[in-house]
Amino acid sequence: MFTIGDFARHGRVSVRMLRHYDATGLLRPAHVDPASGYRYYTAAQLARLNRIIALKDLGFTLQQVQDIVDEKVSAEELRGMLRLRQAELETAMAAAGARLIQVEARLRAIESEGRMPTNDVVIKSVPTVRVAELTATAASYEPEDIGPVIGPLYDELFRRLGSAGVTPTGPGVAYYEGAPEGGGRISVHAAVQVSAPLQEGDFRILDLPSLDQAATIVHRGSMDTVLPTAQALARWIDANGYQSTGYAREINLECPENRDDWVTELQAPVTRI
């Protein structure tokens, strides 16, 4: 048998944790000396300890862990619990990865503060363009709210265009406006240039209005990292006597499979101050 200290060392846990597991009935000592109160464990109990730690690290409560290791949960129920926890962890990892990307973008924006954009900003007029589009609402204009909305919108738009036999004739155009319901919500328009009659139906075909003046800049890379480019454009607009009059459009000039190789033109509508 092992003393509680030796068992803790072999199990790579703390003595305090073992005492807590004893108090809750999750892992009782194999023997307790009636005179000294010392706890003793056997090597066979390491198997139960390993299961307890593994299940706890998966996020199960101690009560759920106890039910599982005491076989109060059927194998089918356990598989379901593990699949659910796996899905939760995968979702959390994806969310954490997305947050890291946005933190990196914010850091690059901070590093570029006070510097004018190295890529050219061009003032130009943008003609009316016919597009097919789908629209949805995002909770805010923050990247973590826009990204999960616009990606599936484009996937569904291209699926519907294919079913209808409509072939895109130009790049994608993403544009935004305040949602009618307010509260900071954003109407997200996933559009692509087409040559087809105006229509309403599975998707909408409309003429996107021209812009008399737009300050434009080219962003290279995933749209998850667009923030430094967008803020560089904002600094240029402010420094050169212009005023923004709406959300910038995003023209998808090149969209290869590797998102880091994307080329996107931002078109911010402006007027002279």
Protein backbone atom coordinates (compact mmCIF):
# COMPACT_ATOMS: atom_id res chain seq x y z
CA MET A 1 0.00 0.00 0.00
CA PHE A 2 0.96 3.64 -0.47
CA THR A 3 0.64 6.51 1.93
CA ILE A 4 -1.47 9.37 0.63
CA GLY A 5 1.72 11.29 -0.20
CA ASP A 6 3.20 8.41 -2.18
CA PHE A 7 -0.11 7.77 -3.98
CA ALA A 8 -0.42 11.46 -4.86
CA ARG A 9 3.10 11.41 -6.31
CA HIS A 10 2.45 8.30 -8.41
CA GLY A 11 -0.90 9.68 -9.58
CA ARG A 12 0.54 13.13 -10.32
CA VAL A 13 -2.12 14.85 -8.21
CA SER A 14 -2.05 16.82 -4.97
CA VAL A 15 -2.65 15.40 -1.52
CA ARG A 16 -5.29 18.08 -1.08
CA MET A 17 -7.15 16.76 -4.13
CA LEU A 18 -7.08 13.20 -2.79
CA ARG A 19 -8.48 14.39 0.53
CA HIS A 20 -11.28 16.17 -1.33
CA TYR A 21 -12.06 13.05 -3.37
CA ASP A 22 -12.19 11.07 -0.13
CA ALA A 23 -14.55 13.60 1.48
CA THR A 24 -16.92 13.49 -1.51
CA GLY A 25 -16.77 9.71 -1.79
CA LEU A 26 -15.25 9.87 -5.27
CA LEU A 27 -12.08 7.98 -4.32
CA ARG A 28 -11.95 6.43 -0.87
CA PRO A 29 -8.64 5.14 0.56
CA ALA A 30 -8.26 1.38 0.52
CA HIS A 31 -7.47 1.53 4.22
CA VAL A 32 -7.57 4.12 7.01
CA ASP A 33 -5.53 3.44 10.13
CA PRO A 34 -8.05 3.64 13.01
CA ALA A 35 -5.44 4.88 15.45
CA SER A 36 -3.61 7.50 13.37
CA GLY A 37 -6.22 8.29 10.72
CA TYR A 38 -3.58 7.89 8.01
CA ARG A 39 -4.95 7.05 4.59
CA TYR A 40 -3.48 4.23 2.48
CA TYR A 41 -4.08 3.45 -1.20
CA THR A 42 -3.30 0.55 -3.51
CA ALA A 43 -1.77 0.62 -6.97
CA ALA A 44 -5.04 -0.75 -8.38
CA GLN A 45 -6.73 2.51 -7.39
CA LEU A 46 -4.62 4.43 -9.91
CA ALA A 47 -6.97 3.19 -12.64
CA ARG A 48 -9.95 4.87 -10.96
CA LEU A 49 -7.91 8.01 -10.32
CA ASN A 50 -6.90 8.21 -13.99
CA ARG A 51 -10.54 7.99 -15.08
CA ILE A 52 -11.58 10.65 -12.59
CA ILE A 53 -8.90 13.08 -13.77
CA ALA A 54 -9.59 12.42 -17.47
CA LEU A 55 -13.34 13.00 -17.07
CA LYS A 56 -12.80 16.08 -14.92
CA ASP A 57 -10.44 17.53 -17.53
CA LEU A 58 -13.15 16.98 -20.13
CA GLY A 59 -15.33 19.35 -18.13
CA PHE A 60 -17.66 16.95 -16.36
CA THR A 61 -18.83 17.86 -12.86
CA LEU A 62 -17.62 15.74 -9.97
CA GLN A 63 -21.12 14.31 -9.58
CA GLN A 64 -21.14 13.30 -13.26
CA VAL A 65 -17.66 11.81 -12.84
CA GLN A 66 -18.82 9.79 -9.86
CA ASP A 67 -21.85 8.47 -11.72
CA ILE A 68 -19.66 7.42 -14.63
CA VAL A 69 -16.91 5.70 -12.66
CA ASP A 70 -19.50 4.00 -10.45
CA GLU A 71 -21.15 2.73 -13.66
CA LYS A 72 -24.43 4.55 -12.99
CA VAL A 73 -24.23 5.79 -16.59
CA SER A 74 -24.73 3.32 -19.43
CA ALA A 75 -22.16 2.96 -22.19
CA GLU A 76 -24.58 4.56 -24.65
CA GLU A 77 -25.20 7.52 -22.32
CA LEU A 78 -21.45 7.91 -21.80
CA ARG A 79 -20.81 7.95 -25.55
CA GLY A 80 -23.45 10.65 -25.90
CA MET A 81 -21.91 12.71 -23.09
CA LEU A 82 -18.45 12.39 -24.59
CA ARG A 83 -19.67 13.35 -28.09
CA LEU A 84 -21.44 16.39 -26.66
CA ARG A 85 -18.36 17.42 -24.70
CA GLN A 86 -16.19 16.89 -27.78
CA ALA A 87 -18.44 19.20 -29.78
CA GLU A 88 -18.35 21.81 -27.01
CA LEU A 89 -14.55 21.70 -26.86
CA GLU A 90 -14.23 21.95 -30.65
CA THR A 91 -16.55 24.97 -30.65
CA ALA A 92 -14.55 26.58 -27.85
CA MET A 93 -11.28 25.94 -29.69
CA ALA A 94 -12.66 27.47 -32.89
CA ALA A 95 -13.88 30.51 -30.96
CA ALA A 96 -10.52 30.87 -29.22
CA GLY A 97 -8.73 30.62 -32.57
CA ALA A 98 -10.98 33.33 -34.01
CA ARG A 99 -10.32 35.56 -31.00
CA LEU A 100 -6.57 35.08 -31.40
CA ILE A 101 -6.81 36.17 -35.05
CA GLN A 102 -8.68 39.32 -34.02
CA VAL A 103 -6.19 40.05 -31.22
CA GLU A 104 -3.39 39.77 -33.78
CA ALA A 105 -5.27 42.12 -36.11
CA ARG A 106 -5.73 44.63 -33.28
CA LEU A 107 -2.02 44.42 -32.44
CA ARG A 108 -1.11 45.12 -36.06
CA ALA A 109 -3.52 48.06 -36.07
CA ILE A 110 -1.84 49.42 -32.92
CA GLU A 111 1.60 48.96 -34.44
CA SER A 112 0.56 50.89 -37.54
CA GLU A 113 -0.87 53.85 -35.60
CA GLY A 114 0.52 57.18 -36.75
CA ARG A 115 1.72 55.78 -40.06
CA MET A 116 0.06 56.45 -43.37
CA PRO A 117 -0.78 53.39 -45.47
CA THR A 118 2.07 52.02 -47.55
CA ASN A 119 -0.36 50.76 -50.19
CA ASP A 120 -1.98 53.42 -52.35
CA VAL A 121 -5.33 54.95 -51.50
CA VAL A 122 -7.22 55.97 -54.62
CA ILE A 123 -10.25 58.24 -54.86
CA LYS A 124 -12.53 57.12 -57.66
CA SER A 125 -16.15 56.88 -58.72
CA VAL A 126 -17.79 53.45 -58.66
CA PRO A 127 -20.41 52.73 -61.35
CA THR A 128 -23.73 51.02 -60.81
CA VAL A 129 -23.32 47.26 -60.90
CA ARG A 130 -25.90 44.49 -61.18
CA VAL A 131 -25.61 41.85 -58.49
CA ALA A 132 -27.37 38.78 -57.16
CA GLU A 133 -27.47 38.73 -53.40
CA LEU A 134 -28.65 37.12 -50.19
CA THR A 135 -29.06 39.12 -46.99
CA ALA A 136 -28.91 38.24 -43.30
CA THR A 137 -28.49 40.06 -40.01
CA ALA A 138 -25.37 40.11 -37.83
CA ALA A 139 -25.40 41.06 -34.16
CA SER A 140 -22.82 43.81 -34.74
CA TYR A 141 -20.16 45.05 -37.16
CA GLU A 142 -17.45 43.32 -35.15
CA PRO A 143 -15.46 40.73 -37.16
CA GLU A 144 -16.51 37.87 -34.88
CA ASP A 145 -20.16 38.63 -35.69
CA ILE A 146 -19.76 39.36 -39.41
CA GLY A 147 -17.60 36.35 -40.32
CA PRO A 148 -20.00 33.58 -39.24
CA VAL A 149 -22.82 35.28 -41.18
CA ILE A 150 -21.24 36.23 -44.49
CA GLY A 151 -19.40 32.96 -45.16
CA PRO A 152 -22.49 30.72 -45.10
CA LEU A 153 -24.42 33.42 -47.02
CA TYR A 154 -21.98 33.19 -49.93
CA ASP A 155 -22.04 29.39 -49.86
CA GLU A 156 -25.83 29.42 -50.08
CA LEU A 157 -25.86 32.16 -52.74
CA PHE A 158 -23.58 30.23 -55.08
CA ARG A 159 -25.60 27.06 -54.50
CA ARG A 160 -28.81 28.84 -55.47
CA LEU A 161 -27.21 30.53 -58.47
CA GLY A 162 -26.01 27.15 -59.70
CA SER A 163 -29.48 25.65 -59.33
CA ALA A 164 -30.96 28.58 -61.25
CA GLY A 165 -28.34 28.41 -64.01
CA VAL A 166 -27.09 31.94 -63.31
CA THR A 167 -23.35 32.39 -63.83
CA PRO A 168 -21.47 35.18 -62.01
CA THR A 169 -19.89 37.70 -64.39
CA GLY A 170 -17.66 39.52 -61.94
CA PRO A 171 -16.30 39.57 -58.39
CA GLY A 172 -18.20 39.23 -55.17
CA VAL A 173 -19.36 42.42 -53.47
CA ALA A 174 -20.05 42.41 -49.73
CA TYR A 175 -21.77 45.49 -48.37
CA TYR A 176 -23.37 46.51 -45.10
CA GLU A 177 -25.93 48.85 -43.57
CA GLY A 178 -27.64 49.33 -40.24
CA ALA A 179 -30.36 46.73 -39.75
CA PRO A 180 -33.97 48.01 -39.53
CA GLU A 181 -34.39 46.58 -36.03
CA GLY A 182 -31.51 48.74 -34.74
CA GLY A 183 -29.61 47.88 -31.58
CA GLY A 184 -26.30 47.93 -33.42
CA ARG A 185 -27.35 45.04 -35.66
CA ILE A 186 -26.05 44.99 -39.22
CA SER A 187 -27.68 43.91 -42.47
CA VAL A 188 -25.07 41.82 -44.26
CA HIS A 189 -25.37 41.58 -48.05
CA ALA A 190 -23.41 38.81 -49.79
CA ALA A 191 -23.54 39.69 -53.49
CA VAL A 192 -21.83 38.79 -56.75
CA GLN A 193 -21.92 40.52 -60.12
CA VAL A 194 -24.26 38.94 -62.69
CA SER A 195 -25.82 39.71 -66.03
CA ALA A 196 -29.47 38.72 -65.59
CA PRO A 197 -32.91 40.35 -65.31
CA LEU A 198 -33.94 42.01 -62.06
CA GLN A 199 -35.83 39.58 -59.84
CA GLU A 200 -36.99 38.61 -56.36
CA GLY A 201 -37.11 34.98 -55.32
CA ASP A 202 -34.60 32.44 -54.03
CA PHE A 203 -32.13 35.29 -54.35
CA ARG A 204 -32.48 38.94 -55.27
CA ILE A 205 -31.03 40.54 -58.40
CA LEU A 206 -30.70 44.31 -58.16
CA ASP A 207 -28.64 47.23 -59.37
CA LEU A 208 -26.24 48.28 -56.62
CA PRO A 209 -26.13 52.10 -56.73
CA SER A 210 -23.05 53.93 -57.93
CA LEU A 211 -20.73 55.81 -55.58
CA ASP A 212 -19.81 59.33 -56.68
CA GLN A 213 -16.63 59.20 -54.63
CA ALA A 214 -15.02 56.26 -52.88
CA ALA A 215 -11.69 56.09 -51.09
CA THR A 216 -10.29 52.70 -52.03
CA ILE A 217 -7.46 50.55 -50.75
CA VAL A 218 -6.41 46.98 -51.51
CA HIS A 219 -6.20 44.45 -48.68
CA ARG A 220 -4.13 41.31 -49.19
CA GLY A 221 -4.94 38.36 -46.97
CA SER A 222 -7.87 36.86 -45.13
CA MET A 223 -10.73 39.20 -44.27
CA ASP A 224 -10.21 38.09 -40.67
CA THR A 225 -7.13 40.35 -40.72
CA VAL A 226 -8.65 43.34 -42.54
CA LEU A 227 -8.75 45.65 -39.51
CA PRO A 228 -5.29 47.28 -39.95
CA THR A 229 -6.02 47.96 -43.63
CA ALA A 230 -9.46 49.38 -42.86
CA GLN A 231 -8.07 51.65 -40.16
CA ALA A 232 -5.23 52.78 -42.43
CA LEU A 233 -7.89 53.81 -44.92
CA ALA A 234 -9.77 55.68 -42.18
CA ARG A 235 -6.62 57.60 -41.22
CA TRP A 236 -6.04 58.54 -44.86
CA ILE A 237 -9.63 59.77 -45.22
CA ASP A 238 -9.31 61.93 -42.10
CA ALA A 239 -5.88 63.31 -43.05
CA ASN A 240 -6.88 64.26 -46.58
CA GLY A 241 -9.99 66.32 -46.01
CA TYR A 242 -12.65 63.68 -46.62
CA GLN A 243 -15.53 62.37 -44.56
CA SER A 244 -16.93 58.84 -44.60
CA THR A 245 -20.61 58.57 -45.54
CA GLY A 246 -21.26 54.86 -44.99
CA TYR A 247 -19.87 51.38 -44.58
CA ALA A 248 -17.11 50.31 -46.95
CA ARG A 249 -17.92 47.79 -49.66
CA GLU A 250 -15.63 44.77 -50.02
CA ILE A 251 -14.82 43.73 -53.59
CA ASN A 252 -13.40 40.20 -53.75
CA LEU A 253 -10.84 40.57 -56.53
CA GLU A 254 -9.10 37.23 -55.93
CA CYS A 255 -10.43 34.43 -53.72
CA PRO A 256 -8.19 31.35 -54.02
CA GLU A 257 -8.64 28.40 -51.69
CA ASN A 258 -5.97 29.72 -49.32
CA ARG A 259 -7.65 32.66 -47.60
CA ASP A 260 -4.25 34.21 -46.85
CA ASP A 261 -3.88 34.82 -50.60
CA TRP A 262 -7.16 36.71 -50.98
CA VAL A 263 -7.10 40.17 -52.59
CA THR A 264 -9.94 42.51 -51.60
CA GLU A 265 -10.59 46.13 -52.46
CA LEU A 266 -12.27 48.25 -49.80
CA GLN A 267 -14.45 51.02 -51.21
CA ALA A 268 -15.44 53.59 -48.58
CA PRO A 269 -17.98 56.18 -49.77
CA VAL A 270 -16.71 59.69 -48.95
CA THR A 271 -17.39 63.38 -49.49
CA ARG A 272 -15.10 66.39 -49.32
CA ILE A 273 -15.29 68.33 -46.08
